[in-house]
Amino acid sequence: MGIWTFFALCVVCGCALEAYRAYVKSKTARGGDVAKLEARIAALEGDGNLEERVRTLEAIVTDPKFQLDHELKQLRE
């Protein structure tokens, strides 16, 4: 095995190792984020607060005055 073959093999192994480390790091970070989001959703659903928020937002969005204000704002821009 020549020196260049050894050097190329070291570079390929180093790149593969760093790719694996990045994969493991991203996998563990996503797992933590998912757990936090699930806990937040459970807390909102448990209080009934989420349903109330959605109803309020639906009332705002379906309100004709809101739509008119939104259209006027777009025309001004």
N, C-alpha and C. Protein backbone atom coordinates (compact mmCIF):
# COMPACT_ATOMS: atom_id res chain seq x y z
N MET A 1 0.85 -1.17 0.00
CA MET A 1 0.00 0.00 0.00
C MET A 1 0.90 1.23 0.00
N GLY A 2 0.62 2.12 -0.94
CA GLY A 2 1.42 3.32 -1.06
C GLY A 2 0.99 4.38 -0.07
N ILE A 3 1.80 5.41 0.02
CA ILE A 3 1.52 6.51 0.95
C ILE A 3 0.25 7.25 0.57
N TRP A 4 0.01 7.40 -0.73
CA TRP A 4 -1.19 8.12 -1.18
C TRP A 4 -2.46 7.31 -0.92
N THR A 5 -2.37 6.03 -1.05
CA THR A 5 -3.52 5.18 -0.76
C THR A 5 -3.85 5.24 0.73
N PHE A 6 -2.82 5.20 1.56
CA PHE A 6 -3.00 5.30 3.01
C PHE A 6 -3.61 6.65 3.38
N PHE A 7 -3.11 7.72 2.77
CA PHE A 7 -3.62 9.07 3.04
C PHE A 7 -5.10 9.18 2.62
N ALA A 8 -5.43 8.65 1.45
CA ALA A 8 -6.82 8.70 0.97
C ALA A 8 -7.73 7.89 1.90
N LEU A 9 -7.26 6.76 2.36
CA LEU A 9 -8.04 5.93 3.26
C LEU A 9 -8.29 6.65 4.59
N CYS A 10 -7.28 7.34 5.10
CA CYS A 10 -7.44 8.11 6.34
C CYS A 10 -8.46 9.23 6.18
N VAL A 11 -8.41 9.92 5.04
CA VAL A 11 -9.36 11.00 4.79
C VAL A 11 -10.79 10.47 4.70
N VAL A 12 -10.98 9.37 3.99
CA VAL A 12 -12.31 8.79 3.85
C VAL A 12 -12.84 8.32 5.20
N CYS A 13 -12.01 7.67 5.99
CA CYS A 13 -12.45 7.21 7.32
C CYS A 13 -12.76 8.40 8.23
N GLY A 14 -11.96 9.45 8.16
CA GLY A 14 -12.22 10.64 8.97
C GLY A 14 -13.54 11.29 8.61
N CYS A 15 -13.83 11.39 7.31
CA CYS A 15 -15.09 11.98 6.86
C CYS A 15 -16.28 11.12 7.30
N ALA A 16 -16.12 9.82 7.19
CA ALA A 16 -17.20 8.92 7.60
C ALA A 16 -17.46 9.03 9.10
N LEU A 17 -16.41 9.14 9.89
CA LEU A 17 -16.56 9.28 11.33
C LEU A 17 -17.27 10.58 11.69
N GLU A 18 -16.88 11.68 11.06
CA GLU A 18 -17.53 12.96 11.34
C GLU A 18 -18.99 12.96 10.90
N ALA A 19 -19.29 12.30 9.79
CA ALA A 19 -20.68 12.20 9.34
C ALA A 19 -21.51 11.41 10.35
N TYR A 20 -20.94 10.35 10.88
CA TYR A 20 -21.64 9.55 11.89
C TYR A 20 -21.88 10.36 13.16
N ARG A 21 -20.87 11.11 13.58
CA ARG A 21 -21.02 11.95 14.78
C ARG A 21 -22.12 12.99 14.59
N ALA A 22 -22.17 13.61 13.41
CA ALA A 22 -23.21 14.60 13.13
C ALA A 22 -24.59 13.95 13.13
N TYR A 23 -24.68 12.75 12.59
CA TYR A 23 -25.95 12.02 12.57
C TYR A 23 -26.43 11.73 13.99
N VAL A 24 -25.54 11.24 14.83
CA VAL A 24 -25.91 10.90 16.21
C VAL A 24 -26.31 12.16 16.97
N LYS A 25 -25.59 13.24 16.76
CA LYS A 25 -25.89 14.49 17.45
C LYS A 25 -27.26 15.03 17.03
N SER A 26 -27.57 14.99 15.75
CA SER A 26 -28.86 15.49 15.29
C SER A 26 -30.00 14.59 15.75
N LYS A 27 -29.74 13.30 15.83
CA LYS A 27 -30.78 12.36 16.26
C LYS A 27 -31.15 12.61 17.71
N THR A 28 -30.17 12.83 18.57
CA THR A 28 -30.46 13.07 19.98
C THR A 28 -31.10 14.44 20.18
N ALA A 29 -30.73 15.43 19.38
CA ALA A 29 -31.33 16.76 19.51
C ALA A 29 -32.80 16.72 19.11
N ARG A 30 -33.13 15.98 18.06
CA ARG A 30 -34.52 15.89 17.63
C ARG A 30 -35.36 15.17 18.66
N GLY A 31 -34.83 14.17 19.29
CA GLY A 31 -35.57 13.43 20.30
C GLY A 31 -35.95 14.32 21.47
N GLY A 32 -35.07 15.19 21.88
CA GLY A 32 -35.36 16.11 22.97
C GLY A 32 -36.41 17.13 22.59
N ASP A 33 -36.35 17.61 21.35
CA ASP A 33 -37.33 18.59 20.89
C ASP A 33 -38.72 17.97 20.80
N VAL A 34 -38.78 16.76 20.33
CA VAL A 34 -40.08 16.08 20.20
C VAL A 34 -40.69 15.88 21.58
N ALA A 35 -39.89 15.49 22.53
CA ALA A 35 -40.41 15.28 23.89
C ALA A 35 -40.94 16.59 24.48
N LYS A 36 -40.22 17.68 24.25
CA LYS A 36 -40.67 18.98 24.76
C LYS A 36 -41.98 19.39 24.10
N LEU A 37 -42.08 19.21 22.80
CA LEU A 37 -43.31 19.57 22.10
C LEU A 37 -44.49 18.72 22.53
N GLU A 38 -44.26 17.42 22.72
CA GLU A 38 -45.34 16.55 23.19
C GLU A 38 -45.81 16.96 24.58
N ALA A 39 -44.88 17.34 25.43
CA ALA A 39 -45.26 17.77 26.78
C ALA A 39 -46.07 19.07 26.72
N ARG A 40 -45.67 19.97 25.83
CA ARG A 40 -46.39 21.25 25.71
C ARG A 40 -47.79 21.02 25.17
N ILE A 41 -47.94 20.16 24.18
CA ILE A 41 -49.25 19.86 23.62
C ILE A 41 -50.14 19.21 24.67
N ALA A 42 -49.58 18.28 25.43
CA ALA A 42 -50.35 17.62 26.48
C ALA A 42 -50.82 18.62 27.53
N ALA A 43 -49.96 19.57 27.87
CA ALA A 43 -50.34 20.58 28.86
C ALA A 43 -51.46 21.47 28.33
N LEU A 44 -51.37 21.85 27.07
CA LEU A 44 -52.41 22.70 26.49
C LEU A 44 -53.73 21.96 26.34
N GLU A 45 -53.67 20.70 25.94
CA GLU A 45 -54.89 19.92 25.78
C GLU A 45 -55.52 19.60 27.13
N GLY A 46 -54.70 19.41 28.14
CA GLY A 46 -55.21 19.07 29.46
C GLY A 46 -56.01 20.20 30.08
N ASP A 47 -55.62 21.43 29.82
CA ASP A 47 -56.30 22.58 30.38
C ASP A 47 -57.55 22.96 29.60
N GLY A 48 -57.67 22.46 28.37
CA GLY A 48 -58.76 22.91 27.51
C GLY A 48 -58.44 24.26 26.89
N ASN A 49 -57.26 24.75 27.20
CA ASN A 49 -56.83 26.05 26.72
C ASN A 49 -56.61 26.05 25.22
N LEU A 50 -56.13 24.96 24.68
CA LEU A 50 -55.86 24.86 23.25
C LEU A 50 -57.14 24.99 22.44
N GLU A 51 -58.17 24.30 22.86
CA GLU A 51 -59.45 24.37 22.14
C GLU A 51 -60.02 25.78 22.19
N GLU A 52 -59.90 26.43 23.32
CA GLU A 52 -60.39 27.81 23.46
C GLU A 52 -59.60 28.75 22.55
N ARG A 53 -58.30 28.56 22.46
CA ARG A 53 -57.48 29.39 21.59
C ARG A 53 -57.86 29.22 20.12
N VAL A 54 -58.08 27.98 19.71
CA VAL A 54 -58.45 27.71 18.32
C VAL A 54 -59.80 28.35 18.01
N ARG A 55 -60.76 28.24 18.91
CA ARG A 55 -62.07 28.87 18.69
C ARG A 55 -61.95 30.38 18.57
N THR A 56 -61.10 30.98 19.40
CA THR A 56 -60.90 32.43 19.33
C THR A 56 -60.27 32.82 18.00
N LEU A 57 -59.26 32.08 17.57
CA LEU A 57 -58.63 32.38 16.29
C LEU A 57 -59.59 32.19 15.13
N GLU A 58 -60.41 31.16 15.18
CA GLU A 58 -61.42 30.95 14.12
C GLU A 58 -62.40 32.12 14.08
N ALA A 59 -62.80 32.61 15.24
CA ALA A 59 -63.73 33.74 15.27
C ALA A 59 -63.09 34.99 14.68
N ILE A 60 -61.81 35.19 14.97
CA ILE A 60 -61.12 36.37 14.44
C ILE A 60 -60.96 36.28 12.93
N VAL A 61 -60.54 35.12 12.45
CA VAL A 61 -60.26 34.96 11.03
C VAL A 61 -61.54 35.00 10.20
N THR A 62 -62.62 34.46 10.73
CA THR A 62 -63.87 34.44 9.96
C THR A 62 -64.67 35.72 10.12
N ASP A 63 -64.21 36.63 10.95
CA ASP A 63 -64.89 37.90 11.15
C ASP A 63 -64.74 38.76 9.89
N PRO A 64 -65.86 39.25 9.32
CA PRO A 64 -65.77 40.06 8.09
C PRO A 64 -64.94 41.33 8.29
N LYS A 65 -65.00 41.94 9.46
CA LYS A 65 -64.23 43.16 9.71
C LYS A 65 -62.74 42.87 9.65
N PHE A 66 -62.32 41.72 10.19
CA PHE A 66 -60.91 41.34 10.13
C PHE A 66 -60.46 41.17 8.69
N GLN A 67 -61.29 40.53 7.88
CA GLN A 67 -60.93 40.31 6.48
C GLN A 67 -60.85 41.63 5.73
N LEU A 68 -61.77 42.55 6.02
CA LEU A 68 -61.75 43.85 5.37
C LEU A 68 -60.50 44.62 5.77
N ASP A 69 -60.16 44.61 7.05
CA ASP A 69 -58.94 45.28 7.51
C ASP A 69 -57.71 44.69 6.85
N HIS A 70 -57.69 43.38 6.72
CA HIS A 70 -56.55 42.70 6.08
C HIS A 70 -56.43 43.10 4.61
N GLU A 71 -57.55 43.16 3.91
CA GLU A 71 -57.51 43.55 2.50
C GLU A 71 -57.09 45.01 2.34
N LEU A 72 -57.56 45.89 3.23
CA LEU A 72 -57.15 47.29 3.17
C LEU A 72 -55.65 47.44 3.44
N LYS A 73 -55.16 46.67 4.37
CA LYS A 73 -53.72 46.71 4.68
C LYS A 73 -52.89 46.28 3.48
N GLN A 74 -53.34 45.25 2.77
CA GLN A 74 -52.63 44.80 1.59
C GLN A 74 -52.66 45.84 0.49
N LEU A 75 -53.77 46.54 0.35
CA LEU A 75 -53.86 47.58 -0.66
C LEU A 75 -52.93 48.76 -0.36
N ARG A 76 -52.75 49.07 0.91
CA ARG A 76 -51.85 50.15 1.30
C ARG A 76 -50.40 49.84 1.01
N GLU A 77 -50.06 48.55 1.08
CA GLU A 77 -48.66 48.14 0.82
C GLU A 77 -48.42 48.11 -0.61
